[in-house]
Amino acid sequence: MLPFTQNSNCALCTDMGGELVWQNDDLRVIMVDDAHFVGFVRVVWQAHVSEMTDLLPAQRSALMKTVCLVEDVMRQVLKPTKVNLASLGNMTPHLHWHVIPRFADDINFPNPVWAITPEQAAQKPQPCVNQAQYAALVNALKIALWAM
């Protein structure tokens, strides 16, 4: 059970949203289950707010520090071509950041991950991150986040 259910209609209030890597009272870091983009991480603010400006300056700073730490660890462990950062919330208006490793040979590079055509989506994914790299990323994130 999540310690913060605040909006029963919000998927990020009622569900962890992926494999939990780390959390504190303010936020959580989860691995997103996406066969096309293995290594995709989401940083979720625990309280149900929708915009960065709903947070106090110190809270915004803590959130962005975490997003940047995730990006840094991701770059060190996976060595992606690029890291995409996004905070959209159009479908789920609960403040969260996507941290997505991108590789020159991923299914839709250089286009956004959300621009995959139905034909591409139907293809058997060829993930650019293998199980050992995934495990190394999760382990490195846990170490870095607990040290934060």
Foldseek 3Di string as FASTA:
>chain_A
DDPEQDDPVFPVSVDVQAAWLDDDQFWTKHFHPDLLFGLKIKIFTNYFAQDLVVDDPVSSVVSVVLVVLLLVLCCVLQVAPDWDWDFDCPVGRGTMIITTGHHPPGLDPPDDPVPDDPVSVPDRHDYPADPVSSVSSSVSSNVSVVVD
